[in-house]
Amino acid sequence: MKKLIVLFLLSIVIKGSAQNSDGIFSKNPIINLENYQMKRVYFGFFLGFNSYDFKIDYKVMETDPRYSSDIQTDKSGGFNVGLVTNLRLHEYIDLRFEPGLYVAFRTLHYPPSIGFNNSSDAIREINSTYINFPLLLKFSALRTGNVRPYLLGGVSANLNLSSNAKSLDDNLEERFRVKSWTTNYEVGFGIDIFSEYFIFSPSIRGQFGISDELIRDKDPNSPWTGNIDAMKSRGVLINFTFH
C-alpha cells in the first residue's frame, strides 16, 4: 500500500510534466511557478510514513545477571499527516512550522534472563499518537530548472495523546507509562519539484529524542523500568508535501 501511494504521488508530478515536450526533467524545461517561493508566507500540507524506535540507556548493574541482555524493540510503520507554514527569511533560508499527527507502533521484548513467570510479562506494546510541533530552518540550494534540493534542521516538541502519564497503574497492572511531552531535534533533506500547478516536495528526516520519555514504576527495582536510565524516542519520517 505504501509503495502504491508513493508511485501515485510521483505519477501526478511526472504526468503534469509530460503533457508538454519541455517537462520538469527535460534538458530545457519550461519554468513552472517561477515566483511562488518569493512569497513572504505560503502554506501547504503533507502526508507520509514513519518508523519509530527507542534508544535505551541502562544503569550499571553488572552484578545482577537479570540484565545481561538488552531490551529489543520491534517497530512497525506508522503514518503522518499535517500542515505547513513557510516564512521566507532569505533567498535561500526559510522558517517552517509543520504541526502534524504522527501515529507510531512499537513493541518491547524483555530478555529471558529477567525470568518473568508469564511470557506476556516480557512483552509491552506501545502505541503512540503524537501531535508534533516542529520549528525548522530550511536551507535551499540554487534552483535548477524545476527542481531545488534543500536541507532541514530544527527542534520539535511531541504531545503523546496515548502516554498514560496520569494513570496510577504501572507494569504490575500491565500498564507501561511514558511522559506526555518530549522534546527532540530533527535533521533531514528533500527536494522541491515544481509542476505546472503546485510544488511537490518529498523529504526524509530523522527525529531524535532529547528528553527521557519513561515514567518509572512505583517499585524502584521493577524488572520493567528499574534498570533503565533513560528511554528516548527516535524515528525516521518520510513526508510528501504539497504547496
C-alpha atoms as a PDB file:
ATOM      1  CA  MET A   1       0.000   0.000   0.000  1.00  0.00           C
ATOM      2  CA  LYS A   2       2.834   2.417   0.866  1.00  0.00           C
ATOM      3  CA  LYS A   3       4.543   1.747  -2.454  1.00  0.00           C
ATOM      4  CA  LEU A   4       1.312   2.311  -4.348  1.00  0.00           C
ATOM      5  CA  ILE A   5       0.726   5.666  -2.643  1.00  0.00           C
ATOM      6  CA  VAL A   6       4.298   6.788  -3.365  1.00  0.00           C
ATOM      7  CA  LEU A   7       4.008   5.776  -7.014  1.00  0.00           C
ATOM      8  CA  PHE A   8       0.660   7.550  -7.288  1.00  0.00           C
ATOM      9  CA  LEU A   9       2.049  10.813  -5.902  1.00  0.00           C
ATOM     10  CA  LEU A  10       5.082  10.682  -8.165  1.00  0.00           C
ATOM     11  CA  SER A  11       2.913   9.923 -11.191  1.00  0.00           C
ATOM     12  CA  ILE A  12       0.905  13.105 -10.600  1.00  0.00           C
ATOM     13  CA  VAL A  13       4.040  15.221 -10.919  1.00  0.00           C
ATOM     14  CA  ILE A  14       5.514  13.309 -13.837  1.00  0.00           C
ATOM     15  CA  LYS A  15       2.214  13.273 -15.740  1.00  0.00           C
ATOM     16  CA  GLY A  16       1.831  17.017 -15.326  1.00  0.00           C
ATOM     17  CA  SER A  17       5.319  17.448 -16.689  1.00  0.00           C
ATOM     18  CA  ALA A  18       4.862  15.053 -19.586  1.00  0.00           C
ATOM     19  CA  GLN A  19       1.917  16.956 -21.014  1.00  0.00           C
ATOM     20  CA  ASN A  20       4.378  19.045 -22.972  1.00  0.00           C
ATOM     21  CA  SER A  21       7.711  18.226 -24.530  1.00  0.00           C
ATOM     22  CA  ASP A  22       9.574  20.562 -22.188  1.00  0.00           C
ATOM     23  CA  GLY A  23       8.751  18.767 -18.928  1.00  0.00           C
ATOM     24  CA  ILE A  24      10.325  19.058 -15.490  1.00  0.00           C
ATOM     25  CA  PHE A  25      13.114  16.590 -16.192  1.00  0.00           C
ATOM     26  CA  SER A  26      13.877  17.637 -19.758  1.00  0.00           C
ATOM     27  CA  LYS A  27      17.049  19.446 -20.756  1.00  0.00           C
ATOM     28  CA  ASN A  28      15.353  22.834 -21.242  1.00  0.00           C
ATOM     29  CA  PRO A  29      12.155  22.773 -19.175  1.00  0.00           C
ATOM     30  CA  ILE A  30       9.517  25.457 -19.071  1.00  0.00           C
ATOM     31  CA  ILE A  31       9.986  27.160 -15.684  1.00  0.00           C
ATOM     32  CA  ASN A  32       6.940  26.450 -13.528  1.00  0.00           C
ATOM     33  CA  LEU A  33       5.773  28.638 -10.602  1.00  0.00           C
ATOM     34  CA  GLU A  34       8.822  30.845 -11.014  1.00  0.00           C
ATOM     35  CA  ASN A  35       7.866  33.385  -8.328  1.00  0.00           C
ATOM     36  CA  TYR A  36       5.880  31.185  -5.951  1.00  0.00           C
ATOM     37  CA  GLN A  37       8.678  30.802  -3.401  1.00  0.00           C
ATOM     38  CA  MET A  38       9.276  34.545  -3.451  1.00  0.00           C
ATOM     39  CA  LYS A  39       6.147  34.999  -1.337  1.00  0.00           C
ATOM     40  CA  ARG A  40       6.737  36.110   2.239  1.00  0.00           C
ATOM     41  CA  VAL A  41       4.413  33.400   3.572  1.00  0.00           C
ATOM     42  CA  TYR A  42       2.858  30.381   1.904  1.00  0.00           C
ATOM     43  CA  PHE A  43       1.128  27.230   3.095  1.00  0.00           C
ATOM     44  CA  GLY A  44       0.819  23.541   2.329  1.00  0.00           C
ATOM     45  CA  PHE A  45       0.069  20.119   3.729  1.00  0.00           C
ATOM     46  CA  PHE A  46       1.873  16.787   3.986  1.00  0.00           C
ATOM     47  CA  LEU A  47       1.161  13.066   4.075  1.00  0.00           C
ATOM     48  CA  GLY A  48       3.720  10.454   4.953  1.00  0.00           C
ATOM     49  CA  PHE A  49       5.037   7.453   6.838  1.00  0.00           C
ATOM     50  CA  ASN A  50       7.204   6.909   9.899  1.00  0.00           C
ATOM     51  CA  SER A  51       9.198   4.253  11.701  1.00  0.00           C
ATOM     52  CA  TYR A  52       9.845   4.893  15.406  1.00  0.00           C
ATOM     53  CA  ASP A  53      12.314   3.166  17.700  1.00  0.00           C
ATOM     54  CA  PHE A  54      13.616   3.631  21.253  1.00  0.00           C
ATOM     55  CA  LYS A  55      17.158   4.472  22.299  1.00  0.00           C
ATOM     56  CA  ILE A  56      17.520   2.919  25.764  1.00  0.00           C
ATOM     57  CA  ASP A  57      20.350   3.750  28.176  1.00  0.00           C
ATOM     58  CA  TYR A  58      20.865   1.391  31.080  1.00  0.00           C
ATOM     59  CA  LYS A  59      22.075   1.741  34.645  1.00  0.00           C
ATOM     60  CA  VAL A  60      25.267  -0.059  35.636  1.00  0.00           C
ATOM     61  CA  MET A  61      24.093  -3.310  37.235  1.00  0.00           C
ATOM     62  CA  GLU A  62      26.839  -5.734  36.308  1.00  0.00           C
ATOM     63  CA  THR A  63      26.286  -7.798  39.450  1.00  0.00           C
ATOM     64  CA  ASP A  64      22.682  -8.595  38.518  1.00  0.00           C
ATOM     65  CA  PRO A  65      22.542 -11.399  35.917  1.00  0.00           C
ATOM     66  CA  ARG A  66      18.953 -10.496  35.024  1.00  0.00           C
ATOM     67  CA  TYR A  67      20.153  -7.547  32.982  1.00  0.00           C
ATOM     68  CA  SER A  68      22.824  -9.304  30.939  1.00  0.00           C
ATOM     69  CA  SER A  69      20.890  -8.634  27.700  1.00  0.00           C
ATOM     70  CA  ASP A  70      19.322  -5.527  26.216  1.00  0.00           C
ATOM     71  CA  ILE A  71      15.638  -4.879  25.640  1.00  0.00           C
ATOM     72  CA  GLN A  72      14.756  -5.365  21.979  1.00  0.00           C
ATOM     73  CA  THR A  73      12.361  -3.053  20.125  1.00  0.00           C
ATOM     74  CA  ASP A  74      10.173  -4.236  17.257  1.00  0.00           C
ATOM     75  CA  LYS A  75       8.938  -1.305  15.195  1.00  0.00           C
ATOM     76  CA  SER A  76       6.078  -1.137  12.730  1.00  0.00           C
ATOM     77  CA  GLY A  77       5.401   1.553  10.172  1.00  0.00           C
ATOM     78  CA  GLY A  78       3.051   4.382  11.106  1.00  0.00           C
ATOM     79  CA  PHE A  79       1.623   7.337   9.230  1.00  0.00           C
ATOM     80  CA  ASN A  80       1.853  11.150   9.303  1.00  0.00           C
ATOM     81  CA  VAL A  81      -0.457  13.967   8.265  1.00  0.00           C
ATOM     82  CA  GLY A  82      -0.176  17.695   8.901  1.00  0.00           C
ATOM     83  CA  LEU A  83       0.037  21.297   7.740  1.00  0.00           C
ATOM     84  CA  VAL A  84       2.952  23.501   6.670  1.00  0.00           C
ATOM     85  CA  THR A  85       3.500  27.232   7.154  1.00  0.00           C
ATOM     86  CA  ASN A  86       6.570  28.607   5.375  1.00  0.00           C
ATOM     87  CA  LEU A  87       8.072  32.014   6.209  1.00  0.00           C
ATOM     88  CA  ARG A  88      10.690  33.313   3.772  1.00  0.00           C
ATOM     89  CA  LEU A  89      13.673  34.797   5.634  1.00  0.00           C
ATOM     90  CA  HIS A  90      16.162  34.954   2.771  1.00  0.00           C
ATOM     91  CA  GLU A  91      16.500  33.815  -0.816  1.00  0.00           C
ATOM     92  CA  TYR A  92      17.924  30.511   0.425  1.00  0.00           C
ATOM     93  CA  ILE A  93      16.600  30.281   4.017  1.00  0.00           C
ATOM     94  CA  ASP A  94      13.040  29.682   5.219  1.00  0.00           C
ATOM     95  CA  LEU A  95      11.466  29.151   8.635  1.00  0.00           C
ATOM     96  CA  ARG A  96       8.898  26.353   8.660  1.00  0.00           C
ATOM     97  CA  PHE A  97       6.258  25.325  11.191  1.00  0.00           C
ATOM     98  CA  GLU A  98       4.888  21.852  10.431  1.00  0.00           C
ATOM     99  CA  PRO A  99       2.351  20.720  13.076  1.00  0.00           C
ATOM    100  CA  GLY A 100       1.195  17.193  12.400  1.00  0.00           C
ATOM    101  CA  LEU A 101      -0.316  13.977  13.693  1.00  0.00           C
ATOM    102  CA  TYR A 102       2.093  11.032  13.885  1.00  0.00           C
ATOM    103  CA  VAL A 103       0.821   7.539  14.733  1.00  0.00           C
ATOM    104  CA  ALA A 104       3.529   5.018  15.666  1.00  0.00           C
ATOM    105  CA  PHE A 105       3.613   1.382  16.825  1.00  0.00           C
ATOM    106  CA  ARG A 106       6.389  -0.296  18.853  1.00  0.00           C
ATOM    107  CA  THR A 107       6.778  -3.480  20.906  1.00  0.00           C
ATOM    108  CA  LEU A 108       9.355  -4.010  23.667  1.00  0.00           C
ATOM    109  CA  HIS A 109      10.713  -7.530  24.199  1.00  0.00           C
ATOM    110  CA  TYR A 110      12.442  -8.048  27.558  1.00  0.00           C
ATOM    111  CA  PRO A 111      15.279 -10.613  27.705  1.00  0.00           C
ATOM    112  CA  PRO A 112      14.577 -14.128  29.073  1.00  0.00           C
ATOM    113  CA  SER A 113      17.281 -13.583  31.714  1.00  0.00           C
ATOM    114  CA  ILE A 114      14.872 -11.377  33.682  1.00  0.00           C
ATOM    115  CA  GLY A 115      12.871 -14.508  34.434  1.00  0.00           C
ATOM    116  CA  PHE A 116       9.241 -13.473  34.112  1.00  0.00           C
ATOM    117  CA  ASN A 117       6.738 -16.116  35.196  1.00  0.00           C
ATOM    118  CA  ASN A 118       4.396 -15.346  32.293  1.00  0.00           C
ATOM    119  CA  SER A 119       5.555 -14.838  28.714  1.00  0.00           C
ATOM    120  CA  SER A 120       3.121 -11.919  28.365  1.00  0.00           C
ATOM    121  CA  ASP A 121       5.055 -10.008  31.055  1.00  0.00           C
ATOM    122  CA  ALA A 122       8.109  -9.953  28.765  1.00  0.00           C
ATOM    123  CA  ILE A 123       6.219  -8.029  26.057  1.00  0.00           C
ATOM    124  CA  ARG A 124       4.961  -4.461  26.192  1.00  0.00           C
ATOM    125  CA  GLU A 125       3.146  -2.919  23.230  1.00  0.00           C
ATOM    126  CA  ILE A 126       3.491   0.870  22.962  1.00  0.00           C
ATOM    127  CA  ASN A 127       1.128   2.591  20.565  1.00  0.00           C
ATOM    128  CA  SER A 128       1.827   6.305  20.369  1.00  0.00           C
ATOM    129  CA  THR A 129      -0.270   9.098  18.910  1.00  0.00           C
ATOM    130  CA  TYR A 130       1.937  12.171  18.739  1.00  0.00           C
ATOM    131  CA  ILE A 131       0.976  15.725  17.921  1.00  0.00           C
ATOM    132  CA  ASN A 132       4.300  17.029  16.683  1.00  0.00           C
ATOM    133  CA  PHE A 133       5.195  20.746  16.809  1.00  0.00           C
ATOM    134  CA  PRO A 134       8.427  21.251  14.822  1.00  0.00           C
ATOM    135  CA  LEU A 135      10.127  24.578  14.142  1.00  0.00           C
ATOM    136  CA  LEU A 136      12.595  24.060  11.320  1.00  0.00           C
ATOM    137  CA  LEU A 137      15.038  26.012   9.200  1.00  0.00           C
ATOM    138  CA  LYS A 138      15.057  25.111   5.519  1.00  0.00           C
ATOM    139  CA  PHE A 139      18.302  25.744   3.606  1.00  0.00           C
ATOM    140  CA  SER A 140      17.604  25.621  -0.131  1.00  0.00           C
ATOM    141  CA  ALA A 141      20.151  25.219  -2.910  1.00  0.00           C
ATOM    142  CA  LEU A 142      20.084  27.194  -6.136  1.00  0.00           C
ATOM    143  CA  ARG A 143      17.096  26.244  -8.253  1.00  0.00           C
ATOM    144  CA  THR A 144      17.960  24.282 -11.381  1.00  0.00           C
ATOM    145  CA  GLY A 145      15.124  24.207 -13.861  1.00  0.00           C
ATOM    146  CA  ASN A 146      12.152  22.880 -11.916  1.00  0.00           C
ATOM    147  CA  VAL A 147      13.987  21.145  -9.102  1.00  0.00           C
ATOM    148  CA  ARG A 148      15.523  22.561  -5.937  1.00  0.00           C
ATOM    149  CA  PRO A 149      17.128  20.385  -3.214  1.00  0.00           C
ATOM    150  CA  TYR A 150      17.195  21.522   0.394  1.00  0.00           C
ATOM    151  CA  LEU A 151      18.309  20.633   3.921  1.00  0.00           C
ATOM    152  CA  LEU A 152      16.143  20.836   7.054  1.00  0.00           C
ATOM    153  CA  GLY A 153      17.043  21.138  10.724  1.00  0.00           C
ATOM    154  CA  GLY A 154      15.470  22.293  13.953  1.00  0.00           C
ATOM    155  CA  VAL A 155      13.744  21.330  17.184  1.00  0.00           C
ATOM    156  CA  SER A 156      10.317  19.926  17.993  1.00  0.00           C
ATOM    157  CA  ALA A 157       8.025  19.005  20.857  1.00  0.00           C
ATOM    158  CA  ASN A 158       5.765  15.946  20.898  1.00  0.00           C
ATOM    159  CA  LEU A 159       2.495  15.679  22.788  1.00  0.00           C
ATOM    160  CA  ASN A 160       1.734  11.977  23.218  1.00  0.00           C
ATOM    161  CA  LEU A 161      -2.030  11.508  23.450  1.00  0.00           C
ATOM    162  CA  SER A 162      -1.522   7.822  24.358  1.00  0.00           C
ATOM    163  CA  SER A 163       1.002   8.319  27.151  1.00  0.00           C
ATOM    164  CA  ASN A 164      -0.985   7.037  30.196  1.00  0.00           C
ATOM    165  CA  ALA A 165       1.022   9.576  32.188  1.00  0.00           C
ATOM    166  CA  LYS A 166      -1.813  10.215  34.655  1.00  0.00           C
ATOM    167  CA  SER A 167      -2.522   6.548  35.291  1.00  0.00           C
ATOM    168  CA  LEU A 168      -1.842   5.250  38.831  1.00  0.00           C
ATOM    169  CA  ASP A 169      -1.362   1.724  37.479  1.00  0.00           C
ATOM    170  CA  ASP A 170       2.055   0.587  36.350  1.00  0.00           C
ATOM    171  CA  ASN A 171       3.563  -2.555  34.836  1.00  0.00           C
ATOM    172  CA  LEU A 172       2.266  -4.765  37.654  1.00  0.00           C
ATOM    173  CA  GLU A 173      -1.145  -3.989  36.152  1.00  0.00           C
ATOM    174  CA  GLU A 174       0.290  -4.297  32.608  1.00  0.00           C
ATOM    175  CA  ARG A 175       0.339  -0.538  32.129  1.00  0.00           C
ATOM    176  CA  PHE A 176       3.527   0.811  30.532  1.00  0.00           C
ATOM    177  CA  ARG A 177       3.675   4.568  31.049  1.00  0.00           C
ATOM    178  CA  VAL A 178       5.523   7.304  29.169  1.00  0.00           C
ATOM    179  CA  LYS A 179       5.502  11.081  29.555  1.00  0.00           C
ATOM    180  CA  SER A 180       3.028  13.301  27.760  1.00  0.00           C
ATOM    181  CA  TRP A 181       5.577  15.848  26.476  1.00  0.00           C
ATOM    182  CA  THR A 182       9.002  15.162  24.999  1.00  0.00           C
ATOM    183  CA  THR A 183      11.494  17.293  23.063  1.00  0.00           C
ATOM    184  CA  ASN A 184      13.548  16.383  20.002  1.00  0.00           C
ATOM    185  CA  TYR A 185      15.901  17.667  17.374  1.00  0.00           C
ATOM    186  CA  GLU A 186      15.314  16.921  13.706  1.00  0.00           C
ATOM    187  CA  VAL A 187      17.557  16.878  10.626  1.00  0.00           C
ATOM    188  CA  GLY A 188      16.841  15.852   7.064  1.00  0.00           C
ATOM    189  CA  PHE A 189      16.802  16.662   3.374  1.00  0.00           C
ATOM    190  CA  GLY A 190      14.370  16.863   0.494  1.00  0.00           C
ATOM    191  CA  ILE A 191      13.723  18.258  -2.945  1.00  0.00           C
ATOM    192  CA  ASP A 192      11.188  20.742  -4.315  1.00  0.00           C
ATOM    193  CA  ILE A 193       9.749  19.656  -7.662  1.00  0.00           C
ATOM    194  CA  PHE A 194       7.863  22.437  -9.463  1.00  0.00           C
ATOM    195  CA  SER A 195       4.950  21.212 -11.545  1.00  0.00           C
ATOM    196  CA  GLU A 196       2.580  23.381 -13.534  1.00  0.00           C
ATOM    197  CA  TYR A 197       0.094  23.835 -10.680  1.00  0.00           C
ATOM    198  CA  PHE A 198       1.854  23.036  -7.394  1.00  0.00           C
ATOM    199  CA  ILE A 199       5.166  22.231  -5.702  1.00  0.00           C
ATOM    200  CA  PHE A 200       5.670  18.585  -4.730  1.00  0.00           C
ATOM    201  CA  SER A 201       8.324  18.084  -2.010  1.00  0.00           C
ATOM    202  CA  PRO A 202       9.315  14.576  -0.907  1.00  0.00           C
ATOM    203  CA  SER A 203      11.600  14.619   2.119  1.00  0.00           C
ATOM    204  CA  ILE A 204      13.150  12.314   4.692  1.00  0.00           C
ATOM    205  CA  ARG A 205      14.374  13.300   8.133  1.00  0.00           C
ATOM    206  CA  GLY A 206      15.366  11.842  11.446  1.00  0.00           C
ATOM    207  CA  GLN A 207      13.771  12.770  14.755  1.00  0.00           C
ATOM    208  CA  PHE A 208      15.936  12.228  17.849  1.00  0.00           C
ATOM    209  CA  GLY A 209      14.570  12.489  21.383  1.00  0.00           C
ATOM    210  CA  ILE A 210      16.387  14.800  23.786  1.00  0.00           C
ATOM    211  CA  SER A 211      14.376  14.204  26.973  1.00  0.00           C
ATOM    212  CA  ASP A 212      13.748  10.955  28.851  1.00  0.00           C
ATOM    213  CA  GLU A 213      10.297   9.603  27.990  1.00  0.00           C
ATOM    214  CA  LEU A 214       9.885   6.850  30.582  1.00  0.00           C
ATOM    215  CA  ILE A 215       7.740   7.014  33.725  1.00  0.00           C
ATOM    216  CA  ARG A 216       9.165   4.558  36.268  1.00  0.00           C
ATOM    217  CA  ASP A 217       7.114   2.006  38.153  1.00  0.00           C
ATOM    218  CA  LYS A 218       6.387   2.564  41.827  1.00  0.00           C
ATOM    219  CA  ASP A 219       8.812  -0.236  42.718  1.00  0.00           C
ATOM    220  CA  PRO A 220      12.368   1.129  42.207  1.00  0.00           C
ATOM    221  CA  ASN A 221      13.545  -2.437  41.490  1.00  0.00           C
ATOM    222  CA  SER A 222      10.865  -3.087  38.881  1.00  0.00           C
ATOM    223  CA  PRO A 223      12.100  -5.548  36.220  1.00  0.00           C
ATOM    224  CA  TRP A 224      10.449  -3.389  33.558  1.00  0.00           C
ATOM    225  CA  THR A 225      11.880   0.024  34.464  1.00  0.00           C
ATOM    226  CA  GLY A 226      14.401  -0.432  37.308  1.00  0.00           C
ATOM    227  CA  ASN A 227      17.441  -0.829  35.061  1.00  0.00           C
ATOM    228  CA  ILE A 228      16.555   1.898  32.552  1.00  0.00           C
ATOM    229  CA  ASP A 229      18.470   5.144  32.982  1.00  0.00           C
ATOM    230  CA  ALA A 230      16.820   6.897  30.015  1.00  0.00           C
ATOM    231  CA  MET A 231      14.483   5.953  27.182  1.00  0.00           C
ATOM    232  CA  LYS A 232      14.230   8.317  24.221  1.00  0.00           C
ATOM    233  CA  SER A 233      12.238   8.050  21.013  1.00  0.00           C
ATOM    234  CA  ARG A 234      13.879   8.279  17.639  1.00  0.00           C
ATOM    235  CA  GLY A 235      12.211   7.984  14.291  1.00  0.00           C
ATOM    236  CA  VAL A 236      12.558   8.189  10.536  1.00  0.00           C
ATOM    237  CA  LEU A 237       9.934  10.412   8.890  1.00  0.00           C
ATOM    238  CA  ILE A 238       9.105  10.325   5.183  1.00  0.00           C
ATOM    239  CA  ASN A 239       6.786  13.136   4.122  1.00  0.00           C
ATOM    240  CA  PHE A 240       5.254  14.179   0.807  1.00  0.00           C
ATOM    241  CA  THR A 241       4.449  17.891   0.952  1.00  0.00           C
ATOM    242  CA  PHE A 242       2.250  19.856  -1.424  1.00  0.00           C
ATOM    243  CA  HIS A 243       2.322  23.668  -1.710  1.00  0.00           C
END
